[in-house]
Amino acid sequence: MAGLATACADGKSSAGGGGLRASGSTTVAPVAADAAEALKAQGMNITIATQGGSAGGISQLAAGQIDIALSSKPIAEEDRTAHPKTDFVTTQIGSDAVGVIVTKPVADAGVKNLTADQVRGLFEGKITNWSELGGPKLDVFVYDKEPGRGTREVLDKYVYGDEKAPPPPDSDNFAIVGGNLETRNKLESTPGAVGPLSTGFVEGRNKLAVVTLDGIEASPENIASGKYPMNRPLYLITNGEPTGDAKKFIDYLLSDKGQSLLEPHGYLSLKQIGK
C-alpha cells in the first residue's frame, strides 16, 4: 500500500492533509467503508484499504503506516512480541460467522452438514471426492486462506484446537487465496470447491451454500450465544488510545448509526451479541 501517511502513536494522522488511514481485514472493510462515506459527508478525510488481511493491518499499524487496523481476529501474544513498541488498543464493533462454504451442486446432492473431522479431512486432502461424504461424484477442490488472516485462524481453531495446523497438502486440488471477494469468486467458479468465508459474503449468492457444523447452523442466535463454533469478533485497533479523527471514526461505529451498518453485511451488532 504505497504512499501511506505516517501515523502518530495517538491515532492521529501526521501527514499534512493525508487524512485518516485504515487498512486490514476484508471482512471489516465494507462496514468501515460505509462509515467513512458517512463521515466524509461531514468533512472528514478517510482512506479505507485492504492489504494482507487482518495480519497485514496489524503489521501496517505497528510500522506507523496507518492509523487504524481493521481486524477479524484478536491481537495475539505473537503480535505483541513481534511489535513490543506498539500499544495495541482493540475496540470491538460487532461479530461475524465464518462458514465452511460449498457449491450448490454439492449441497443439493446431500452435503449439508460437516463435522470437524470431516472438515479436517477435506482441508488436509484426505477426502478427495464428495461422494465420500454422501455427495456427488465430484472432485473436491479446496480454497484455503493465507496464514495470518482472521478467517483462517477461526477455521484452524475449530479443526485443530490448540494443535498446530499441518502444512498444506501437496495437491493440484488445493490453492491459497486472499480476501473474501477473491475467495467467493473462486468458489463460485469451481464446481467441487470448498473454502472458509464470512457467511455475510454468501448471502444472496445462489451458487453457494453454508453447511451446518456438527449440526449447528450459523444463525444469529447461535452466533450470539457462541454455540456456532466458528464465530469471531470484529475489531478496530489503534496504537494507543484513539484520539482525534481516529476516535471520531471509532465512536461513530459504536453509535446507533454506525452499528446499523453491520446488519446489511450479514454481521451482528454489539447489541445483538449482548455487548
C-alpha atoms as a PDB file:
ATOM      1  CA  MET A   1       0.000   0.000   0.000  1.00  0.00           C
ATOM      2  CA  ALA A   2       2.276   2.719  -1.297  1.00  0.00           C
ATOM      3  CA  GLY A   3       2.099   6.347  -0.317  1.00  0.00           C
ATOM      4  CA  LEU A   4       0.555   5.859   3.102  1.00  0.00           C
ATOM      5  CA  ALA A   5       0.783   8.674   5.596  1.00  0.00           C
ATOM      6  CA  THR A   6       2.902   8.157   8.667  1.00  0.00           C
ATOM      7  CA  ALA A   7       0.639   7.762  11.683  1.00  0.00           C
ATOM      8  CA  CYS A   8       1.208   9.104  15.146  1.00  0.00           C
ATOM      9  CA  ALA A   9       1.025   6.743  18.104  1.00  0.00           C
ATOM     10  CA  ASP A  10      -2.028   8.577  19.439  1.00  0.00           C
ATOM     11  CA  GLY A  11      -4.132   7.593  16.427  1.00  0.00           C
ATOM     12  CA  LYS A  12      -3.958  10.962  14.645  1.00  0.00           C
ATOM     13  CA  SER A  13      -2.573  11.106  11.126  1.00  0.00           C
ATOM     14  CA  SER A  14       0.660  13.048  10.990  1.00  0.00           C
ATOM     15  CA  ALA A  15       0.666  13.630   7.242  1.00  0.00           C
ATOM     16  CA  GLY A  16      -0.348  17.122   6.254  1.00  0.00           C
ATOM     17  CA  GLY A  17      -3.766  16.745   4.672  1.00  0.00           C
ATOM     18  CA  GLY A  18      -3.260  12.992   4.427  1.00  0.00           C
ATOM     19  CA  GLY A  19      -6.335  12.223   6.455  1.00  0.00           C
ATOM     20  CA  LEU A  20      -7.181   9.112   8.431  1.00  0.00           C
ATOM     21  CA  ARG A  21      -5.891   5.788   7.087  1.00  0.00           C
ATOM     22  CA  ALA A  22      -7.362   2.376   7.894  1.00  0.00           C
ATOM     23  CA  SER A  23      -6.445  -0.984   6.372  1.00  0.00           C
ATOM     24  CA  GLY A  24      -6.619  -4.719   7.023  1.00  0.00           C
ATOM     25  CA  SER A  25      -9.427  -7.253   7.160  1.00  0.00           C
ATOM     26  CA  THR A  26     -11.584  -7.640   4.060  1.00  0.00           C
ATOM     27  CA  THR A  27     -14.382  -8.638   6.436  1.00  0.00           C
ATOM     28  CA  VAL A  28     -14.324  -5.409   8.448  1.00  0.00           C
ATOM     29  CA  ALA A  29     -13.567  -3.200   5.430  1.00  0.00           C
ATOM     30  CA  PRO A  30     -17.130  -2.969   3.990  1.00  0.00           C
ATOM     31  CA  VAL A  31     -18.505  -1.653   7.304  1.00  0.00           C
ATOM     32  CA  ALA A  32     -15.558   0.710   7.697  1.00  0.00           C
ATOM     33  CA  ALA A  33     -16.089   1.974   4.144  1.00  0.00           C
ATOM     34  CA  ASP A  34     -19.759   2.705   4.835  1.00  0.00           C
ATOM     35  CA  ALA A  35     -18.798   4.633   7.973  1.00  0.00           C
ATOM     36  CA  ALA A  36     -16.138   6.506   6.017  1.00  0.00           C
ATOM     37  CA  GLU A  37     -18.690   7.609   3.425  1.00  0.00           C
ATOM     38  CA  ALA A  38     -20.981   8.945   6.152  1.00  0.00           C
ATOM     39  CA  LEU A  39     -18.138  10.849   7.810  1.00  0.00           C
ATOM     40  CA  LYS A  40     -16.777  12.184   4.533  1.00  0.00           C
ATOM     41  CA  ALA A  41     -20.111  13.967   4.172  1.00  0.00           C
ATOM     42  CA  GLN A  42     -19.179  15.717   7.430  1.00  0.00           C
ATOM     43  CA  GLY A  43     -15.809  16.795   6.027  1.00  0.00           C
ATOM     44  CA  MET A  44     -13.535  14.022   7.339  1.00  0.00           C
ATOM     45  CA  ASN A  45     -10.809  12.742   5.008  1.00  0.00           C
ATOM     46  CA  ILE A  46     -10.642   8.935   5.310  1.00  0.00           C
ATOM     47  CA  THR A  47      -8.998   6.214   3.225  1.00  0.00           C
ATOM     48  CA  ILE A  48     -10.046   2.570   3.655  1.00  0.00           C
ATOM     49  CA  ALA A  49      -7.859  -0.115   2.107  1.00  0.00           C
ATOM     50  CA  THR A  50      -7.160  -3.832   2.431  1.00  0.00           C
ATOM     51  CA  GLN A  51      -3.737  -5.406   2.192  1.00  0.00           C
ATOM     52  CA  GLY A  52      -2.764  -8.702   3.737  1.00  0.00           C
ATOM     53  CA  GLY A  53      -5.972  -9.089   5.718  1.00  0.00           C
ATOM     54  CA  SER A  54      -6.014  -8.757   9.499  1.00  0.00           C
ATOM     55  CA  ALA A  55      -2.330  -9.641   9.870  1.00  0.00           C
ATOM     56  CA  GLY A  56      -1.416  -7.059   7.242  1.00  0.00           C
ATOM     57  CA  GLY A  57      -3.379  -4.350   9.015  1.00  0.00           C
ATOM     58  CA  ILE A  58      -1.751  -5.158  12.350  1.00  0.00           C
ATOM     59  CA  SER A  59       1.731  -5.029  10.780  1.00  0.00           C
ATOM     60  CA  GLN A  60       0.973  -1.746   8.998  1.00  0.00           C
ATOM     61  CA  LEU A  61      -0.277  -0.217  12.235  1.00  0.00           C
ATOM     62  CA  ALA A  62       2.874  -1.278  14.070  1.00  0.00           C
ATOM     63  CA  ALA A  63       5.006   0.185  11.249  1.00  0.00           C
ATOM     64  CA  GLY A  64       3.241   3.550  11.588  1.00  0.00           C
ATOM     65  CA  GLN A  65       1.783   3.348   8.077  1.00  0.00           C
ATOM     66  CA  ILE A  66      -1.874   3.554   9.103  1.00  0.00           C
ATOM     67  CA  ASP A  67      -3.959   4.952  11.959  1.00  0.00           C
ATOM     68  CA  ILE A  68      -6.433   2.097  12.404  1.00  0.00           C
ATOM     69  CA  ALA A  69      -6.041  -1.625  11.721  1.00  0.00           C
ATOM     70  CA  LEU A  70      -9.177  -3.479  10.644  1.00  0.00           C
ATOM     71  CA  SER A  71      -9.092  -6.959  12.142  1.00  0.00           C
ATOM     72  CA  SER A  72     -11.306 -10.026  12.352  1.00  0.00           C
ATOM     73  CA  LYS A  73      -9.005 -11.629  14.923  1.00  0.00           C
ATOM     74  CA  PRO A  74      -7.792 -10.512  18.347  1.00  0.00           C
ATOM     75  CA  ILE A  75      -4.247  -9.349  18.964  1.00  0.00           C
ATOM     76  CA  ALA A  76      -2.150 -12.413  19.767  1.00  0.00           C
ATOM     77  CA  GLU A  77       0.813 -12.656  22.091  1.00  0.00           C
ATOM     78  CA  GLU A  78       2.929 -13.210  18.976  1.00  0.00           C
ATOM     79  CA  ASP A  79       1.857  -9.772  17.697  1.00  0.00           C
ATOM     80  CA  ARG A  80       2.879  -8.091  20.949  1.00  0.00           C
ATOM     81  CA  THR A  81       6.209  -9.935  20.932  1.00  0.00           C
ATOM     82  CA  ALA A  82       6.879  -9.003  17.306  1.00  0.00           C
ATOM     83  CA  HIS A  83       5.972  -5.344  17.915  1.00  0.00           C
ATOM     84  CA  PRO A  84       6.968  -4.572  21.518  1.00  0.00           C
ATOM     85  CA  LYS A  85       6.868  -0.791  20.987  1.00  0.00           C
ATOM     86  CA  THR A  86       3.250  -0.831  19.792  1.00  0.00           C
ATOM     87  CA  ASP A  87       0.477  -0.264  22.329  1.00  0.00           C
ATOM     88  CA  PHE A  88      -2.324  -2.231  20.668  1.00  0.00           C
ATOM     89  CA  VAL A  89      -5.742  -0.994  21.791  1.00  0.00           C
ATOM     90  CA  THR A  90      -8.676  -3.010  20.420  1.00  0.00           C
ATOM     91  CA  THR A  91     -12.279  -1.869  20.096  1.00  0.00           C
ATOM     92  CA  GLN A  92     -14.892  -4.459  19.157  1.00  0.00           C
ATOM     93  CA  ILE A  93     -17.572  -3.171  16.788  1.00  0.00           C
ATOM     94  CA  GLY A  94     -19.515  -6.384  16.125  1.00  0.00           C
ATOM     95  CA  SER A  95     -19.343 -10.103  15.416  1.00  0.00           C
ATOM     96  CA  ASP A  96     -19.302 -12.369  12.387  1.00  0.00           C
ATOM     97  CA  ALA A  97     -19.549 -16.049  11.494  1.00  0.00           C
ATOM     98  CA  VAL A  98     -17.105 -17.915   9.291  1.00  0.00           C
ATOM     99  CA  GLY A  99     -18.780 -20.629   7.273  1.00  0.00           C
ATOM    100  CA  VAL A 100     -17.465 -23.696   5.527  1.00  0.00           C
ATOM    101  CA  ILE A 101     -18.805 -22.918   2.085  1.00  0.00           C
ATOM    102  CA  VAL A 102     -19.613 -25.479  -0.605  1.00  0.00           C
ATOM    103  CA  THR A 103     -21.170 -25.149  -4.033  1.00  0.00           C
ATOM    104  CA  LYS A 104     -24.898 -25.647  -4.503  1.00  0.00           C
ATOM    105  CA  PRO A 105     -24.464 -28.876  -6.552  1.00  0.00           C
ATOM    106  CA  VAL A 106     -22.547 -30.380  -3.623  1.00  0.00           C
ATOM    107  CA  ALA A 107     -25.110 -29.236  -1.045  1.00  0.00           C
ATOM    108  CA  ASP A 108     -28.106 -30.242  -3.170  1.00  0.00           C
ATOM    109  CA  ALA A 109     -26.647 -33.738  -3.603  1.00  0.00           C
ATOM    110  CA  GLY A 110     -26.587 -34.254   0.152  1.00  0.00           C
ATOM    111  CA  VAL A 111     -23.627 -32.481   1.783  1.00  0.00           C
ATOM    112  CA  LYS A 112     -25.473 -30.128   4.138  1.00  0.00           C
ATOM    113  CA  ASN A 113     -23.555 -30.803   7.382  1.00  0.00           C
ATOM    114  CA  LEU A 114     -19.912 -31.462   8.187  1.00  0.00           C
ATOM    115  CA  THR A 115     -18.147 -32.495  11.375  1.00  0.00           C
ATOM    116  CA  ALA A 116     -14.812 -31.079  12.483  1.00  0.00           C
ATOM    117  CA  ASP A 117     -13.133 -34.355  11.473  1.00  0.00           C
ATOM    118  CA  GLN A 118     -14.671 -34.174   8.001  1.00  0.00           C
ATOM    119  CA  VAL A 119     -13.569 -30.566   7.551  1.00  0.00           C
ATOM    120  CA  ARG A 120     -10.089 -31.610   8.630  1.00  0.00           C
ATOM    121  CA  GLY A 121     -10.109 -34.435   6.089  1.00  0.00           C
ATOM    122  CA  LEU A 122     -11.152 -32.056   3.310  1.00  0.00           C
ATOM    123  CA  PHE A 123      -8.535 -29.405   4.069  1.00  0.00           C
ATOM    124  CA  GLU A 124      -5.738 -31.936   4.565  1.00  0.00           C
ATOM    125  CA  GLY A 125      -6.502 -33.528   1.199  1.00  0.00           C
ATOM    126  CA  LYS A 126      -7.545 -36.882   2.684  1.00  0.00           C
ATOM    127  CA  ILE A 127     -11.120 -36.621   1.379  1.00  0.00           C
ATOM    128  CA  THR A 128     -10.770 -36.074  -2.360  1.00  0.00           C
ATOM    129  CA  ASN A 129     -14.250 -36.755  -3.734  1.00  0.00           C
ATOM    130  CA  TRP A 130     -17.601 -35.512  -2.439  1.00  0.00           C
ATOM    131  CA  SER A 131     -19.071 -38.998  -2.864  1.00  0.00           C
ATOM    132  CA  GLU A 132     -17.064 -39.990   0.246  1.00  0.00           C
ATOM    133  CA  LEU A 133     -19.357 -37.694   2.240  1.00  0.00           C
ATOM    134  CA  GLY A 134     -22.618 -38.715   0.583  1.00  0.00           C
ATOM    135  CA  GLY A 135     -22.380 -36.071  -2.114  1.00  0.00           C
ATOM    136  CA  PRO A 136     -21.944 -36.157  -5.892  1.00  0.00           C
ATOM    137  CA  LYS A 137     -19.134 -37.881  -7.750  1.00  0.00           C
ATOM    138  CA  LEU A 138     -17.174 -34.685  -7.966  1.00  0.00           C
ATOM    139  CA  ASP A 139     -13.551 -33.951  -7.076  1.00  0.00           C
ATOM    140  CA  VAL A 140     -13.001 -31.768  -4.032  1.00  0.00           C
ATOM    141  CA  PHE A 141     -11.118 -28.518  -4.647  1.00  0.00           C
ATOM    142  CA  VAL A 142     -10.013 -26.657  -1.508  1.00  0.00           C
ATOM    143  CA  TYR A 143      -9.515 -22.887  -1.414  1.00  0.00           C
ATOM    144  CA  ASP A 144      -7.857 -22.084   1.895  1.00  0.00           C
ATOM    145  CA  LYS A 145      -6.953 -18.647   3.251  1.00  0.00           C
ATOM    146  CA  GLU A 146      -3.480 -17.242   3.700  1.00  0.00           C
ATOM    147  CA  PRO A 147      -1.915 -17.793   7.138  1.00  0.00           C
ATOM    148  CA  GLY A 148      -2.471 -14.783   9.402  1.00  0.00           C
ATOM    149  CA  ARG A 149      -5.909 -13.959   8.053  1.00  0.00           C
ATOM    150  CA  GLY A 150      -8.688 -13.927  10.635  1.00  0.00           C
ATOM    151  CA  THR A 151     -10.813 -16.361   8.634  1.00  0.00           C
ATOM    152  CA  ARG A 152      -8.003 -18.913   8.516  1.00  0.00           C
ATOM    153  CA  GLU A 153      -7.375 -18.654  12.259  1.00  0.00           C
ATOM    154  CA  VAL A 154     -11.046 -19.282  13.054  1.00  0.00           C
ATOM    155  CA  LEU A 155     -11.072 -22.366  10.825  1.00  0.00           C
ATOM    156  CA  ASP A 156      -7.829 -23.707  12.315  1.00  0.00           C
ATOM    157  CA  LYS A 157      -9.121 -23.219  15.862  1.00  0.00           C
ATOM    158  CA  TYR A 158     -12.295 -25.165  15.023  1.00  0.00           C
ATOM    159  CA  VAL A 159     -10.453 -28.000  13.312  1.00  0.00           C
ATOM    160  CA  TYR A 160      -7.255 -28.243  15.344  1.00  0.00           C
ATOM    161  CA  GLY A 161      -7.965 -26.565  18.677  1.00  0.00           C
ATOM    162  CA  ASP A 162      -4.587 -25.900  20.259  1.00  0.00           C
ATOM    163  CA  GLU A 163      -2.790 -28.140  17.775  1.00  0.00           C
ATOM    164  CA  LYS A 164      -0.590 -26.604  15.108  1.00  0.00           C
ATOM    165  CA  ALA A 165      -2.144 -26.884  11.657  1.00  0.00           C
ATOM    166  CA  PRO A 166      -0.090 -29.071   9.292  1.00  0.00           C
ATOM    167  CA  PRO A 167       1.457 -27.742   6.061  1.00  0.00           C
ATOM    168  CA  PRO A 168      -0.877 -27.575   3.019  1.00  0.00           C
ATOM    169  CA  PRO A 169      -1.321 -30.841   1.142  1.00  0.00           C
ATOM    170  CA  ASP A 170       0.785 -31.411  -1.963  1.00  0.00           C
ATOM    171  CA  SER A 171      -2.175 -31.458  -4.302  1.00  0.00           C
ATOM    172  CA  ASP A 172      -3.250 -29.817  -7.546  1.00  0.00           C
ATOM    173  CA  ASN A 173      -6.710 -29.530  -5.946  1.00  0.00           C
ATOM    174  CA  PHE A 174      -5.583 -27.107  -3.234  1.00  0.00           C
ATOM    175  CA  ALA A 175      -4.930 -23.376  -3.511  1.00  0.00           C
ATOM    176  CA  ILE A 176      -4.317 -20.460  -1.160  1.00  0.00           C
ATOM    177  CA  VAL A 177      -6.468 -17.377  -1.717  1.00  0.00           C
ATOM    178  CA  GLY A 178      -6.545 -13.903  -0.198  1.00  0.00           C
ATOM    179  CA  GLY A 179      -9.538 -11.701   0.574  1.00  0.00           C
ATOM    180  CA  ASN A 180     -13.229 -12.520   0.788  1.00  0.00           C
ATOM    181  CA  LEU A 181     -14.145 -11.379  -2.723  1.00  0.00           C
ATOM    182  CA  GLU A 182     -11.362 -13.434  -4.288  1.00  0.00           C
ATOM    183  CA  THR A 183     -12.411 -16.453  -2.228  1.00  0.00           C
ATOM    184  CA  ARG A 184     -16.049 -16.104  -3.241  1.00  0.00           C
ATOM    185  CA  ASN A 185     -15.177 -15.750  -6.927  1.00  0.00           C
ATOM    186  CA  LYS A 186     -13.017 -18.880  -6.818  1.00  0.00           C
ATOM    187  CA  LEU A 187     -15.713 -20.871  -5.018  1.00  0.00           C
ATOM    188  CA  GLU A 188     -18.394 -19.823  -7.482  1.00  0.00           C
ATOM    189  CA  SER A 189     -16.270 -20.758 -10.495  1.00  0.00           C
ATOM    190  CA  THR A 190     -15.210 -24.241  -9.302  1.00  0.00           C
ATOM    191  CA  PRO A 191     -17.971 -26.913  -9.164  1.00  0.00           C
ATOM    192  CA  GLY A 192     -16.428 -29.042  -6.380  1.00  0.00           C
ATOM    193  CA  ALA A 193     -14.996 -26.195  -4.335  1.00  0.00           C
ATOM    194  CA  VAL A 194     -14.964 -25.770  -0.573  1.00  0.00           C
ATOM    195  CA  GLY A 195     -13.485 -22.937   1.457  1.00  0.00           C
ATOM    196  CA  PRO A 196     -13.828 -20.795   4.587  1.00  0.00           C
ATOM    197  CA  LEU A 197     -15.612 -17.493   4.094  1.00  0.00           C
ATOM    198  CA  SER A 198     -17.552 -14.955   6.117  1.00  0.00           C
ATOM    199  CA  THR A 199     -21.204 -16.006   5.872  1.00  0.00           C
ATOM    200  CA  GLY A 200     -22.150 -12.397   5.141  1.00  0.00           C
ATOM    201  CA  PHE A 201     -20.391 -12.698   1.776  1.00  0.00           C
ATOM    202  CA  VAL A 202     -22.559 -15.682   0.794  1.00  0.00           C
ATOM    203  CA  GLU A 203     -25.996 -14.169   1.421  1.00  0.00           C
ATOM    204  CA  GLY A 204     -27.943 -13.965  -1.832  1.00  0.00           C
ATOM    205  CA  ARG A 205     -25.362 -15.985  -3.791  1.00  0.00           C
ATOM    206  CA  ASN A 206     -27.339 -18.804  -5.393  1.00  0.00           C
ATOM    207  CA  LYS A 207     -24.251 -20.792  -6.432  1.00  0.00           C
ATOM    208  CA  LEU A 208     -23.015 -21.284  -2.860  1.00  0.00           C
ATOM    209  CA  ALA A 209     -24.255 -22.838   0.384  1.00  0.00           C
ATOM    210  CA  VAL A 210     -23.221 -22.665   4.039  1.00  0.00           C
ATOM    211  CA  VAL A 211     -23.137 -26.117   5.651  1.00  0.00           C
ATOM    212  CA  THR A 212     -24.016 -26.646   9.300  1.00  0.00           C
ATOM    213  CA  LEU A 213     -21.080 -27.625  11.511  1.00  0.00           C
ATOM    214  CA  ASP A 214     -21.667 -30.557  13.839  1.00  0.00           C
ATOM    215  CA  GLY A 215     -25.372 -29.941  13.185  1.00  0.00           C
ATOM    216  CA  ILE A 216     -25.225 -26.287  14.296  1.00  0.00           C
ATOM    217  CA  GLU A 217     -26.468 -23.571  11.949  1.00  0.00           C
ATOM    218  CA  ALA A 218     -24.723 -20.210  11.624  1.00  0.00           C
ATOM    219  CA  SER A 219     -27.881 -18.406  12.775  1.00  0.00           C
ATOM    220  CA  PRO A 220     -27.775 -15.024  14.553  1.00  0.00           C
ATOM    221  CA  GLU A 221     -28.902 -16.754  17.760  1.00  0.00           C
ATOM    222  CA  ASN A 222     -26.171 -19.402  17.568  1.00  0.00           C
ATOM    223  CA  ILE A 223     -23.522 -16.814  16.717  1.00  0.00           C
ATOM    224  CA  ALA A 224     -24.569 -14.532  19.574  1.00  0.00           C
ATOM    225  CA  SER A 225     -24.609 -17.377  22.098  1.00  0.00           C
ATOM    226  CA  GLY A 226     -21.294 -18.798  20.912  1.00  0.00           C
ATOM    227  CA  LYS A 227     -22.944 -22.149  20.125  1.00  0.00           C
ATOM    228  CA  TYR A 228     -21.894 -21.921  16.486  1.00  0.00           C
ATOM    229  CA  PRO A 229     -18.213 -22.917  16.609  1.00  0.00           C
ATOM    230  CA  MET A 230     -16.770 -20.540  14.005  1.00  0.00           C
ATOM    231  CA  ASN A 231     -17.789 -17.086  15.218  1.00  0.00           C
ATOM    232  CA  ARG A 232     -15.401 -14.176  15.692  1.00  0.00           C
ATOM    233  CA  PRO A 233     -15.285 -10.572  16.892  1.00  0.00           C
ATOM    234  CA  LEU A 234     -14.676  -7.671  14.513  1.00  0.00           C
ATOM    235  CA  TYR A 235     -12.191  -5.050  15.702  1.00  0.00           C
ATOM    236  CA  LEU A 236     -10.749  -1.633  15.076  1.00  0.00           C
ATOM    237  CA  ILE A 237      -7.218  -1.450  16.509  1.00  0.00           C
ATOM    238  CA  THR A 238      -5.139   1.636  17.282  1.00  0.00           C
ATOM    239  CA  ASN A 239      -1.644   2.258  18.599  1.00  0.00           C
ATOM    240  CA  GLY A 240      -2.541   3.750  21.957  1.00  0.00           C
ATOM    241  CA  GLU A 241      -5.943   5.084  22.973  1.00  0.00           C
ATOM    242  CA  PRO A 242      -7.605   6.660  19.931  1.00  0.00           C
ATOM    243  CA  THR A 243      -7.838  10.435  19.751  1.00  0.00           C
ATOM    244  CA  GLY A 244      -8.680  12.980  17.072  1.00  0.00           C
ATOM    245  CA  ASP A 245     -10.186  11.651  13.859  1.00  0.00           C
ATOM    246  CA  ALA A 246      -9.426   8.052  14.859  1.00  0.00           C
ATOM    247  CA  LYS A 247     -11.592   8.456  17.959  1.00  0.00           C
ATOM    248  CA  LYS A 248     -14.304  10.199  15.971  1.00  0.00           C
ATOM    249  CA  PHE A 249     -14.330   7.321  13.471  1.00  0.00           C
ATOM    250  CA  ILE A 250     -14.445   4.636  16.171  1.00  0.00           C
ATOM    251  CA  ASP A 251     -17.092   6.488  18.182  1.00  0.00           C
ATOM    252  CA  TYR A 252     -19.232   6.715  15.046  1.00  0.00           C
ATOM    253  CA  LEU A 253     -19.059   2.951  14.515  1.00  0.00           C
ATOM    254  CA  LEU A 254     -20.059   2.416  18.150  1.00  0.00           C
ATOM    255  CA  SER A 255     -23.033   4.776  17.808  1.00  0.00           C
ATOM    256  CA  ASP A 256     -26.518   3.634  16.800  1.00  0.00           C
ATOM    257  CA  LYS A 257     -25.959   4.893  13.249  1.00  0.00           C
ATOM    258  CA  GLY A 258     -22.647   3.087  12.995  1.00  0.00           C
ATOM    259  CA  GLN A 259     -23.972  -0.123  14.487  1.00  0.00           C
ATOM    260  CA  SER A 260     -26.803  -0.128  11.928  1.00  0.00           C
ATOM    261  CA  LEU A 261     -24.159  -0.584   9.215  1.00  0.00           C
ATOM    262  CA  LEU A 262     -23.316  -4.127  10.364  1.00  0.00           C
ATOM    263  CA  GLU A 263     -26.553  -5.999   9.623  1.00  0.00           C
ATOM    264  CA  PRO A 264     -26.678  -5.185   5.865  1.00  0.00           C
ATOM    265  CA  HIS A 265     -23.344  -7.013   5.552  1.00  0.00           C
ATOM    266  CA  GLY A 266     -24.582 -10.057   7.449  1.00  0.00           C
ATOM    267  CA  TYR A 267     -22.793  -9.209  10.708  1.00  0.00           C
ATOM    268  CA  LEU A 268     -24.139  -8.862  14.254  1.00  0.00           C
ATOM    269  CA  SER A 269     -24.118  -5.598  16.187  1.00  0.00           C
ATOM    270  CA  LEU A 270     -22.813  -5.335  19.732  1.00  0.00           C
ATOM    271  CA  LYS A 271     -26.398  -5.185  20.992  1.00  0.00           C
ATOM    272  CA  GLN A 272     -27.252  -8.441  19.208  1.00  0.00           C
ATOM    273  CA  ILE A 273     -24.382 -10.254  20.904  1.00  0.00           C
ATOM    274  CA  GLY A 274     -25.125  -8.727  24.294  1.00  0.00           C
ATOM    275  CA  LYS A 275     -22.118  -6.378  24.446  1.00  0.00           C
END
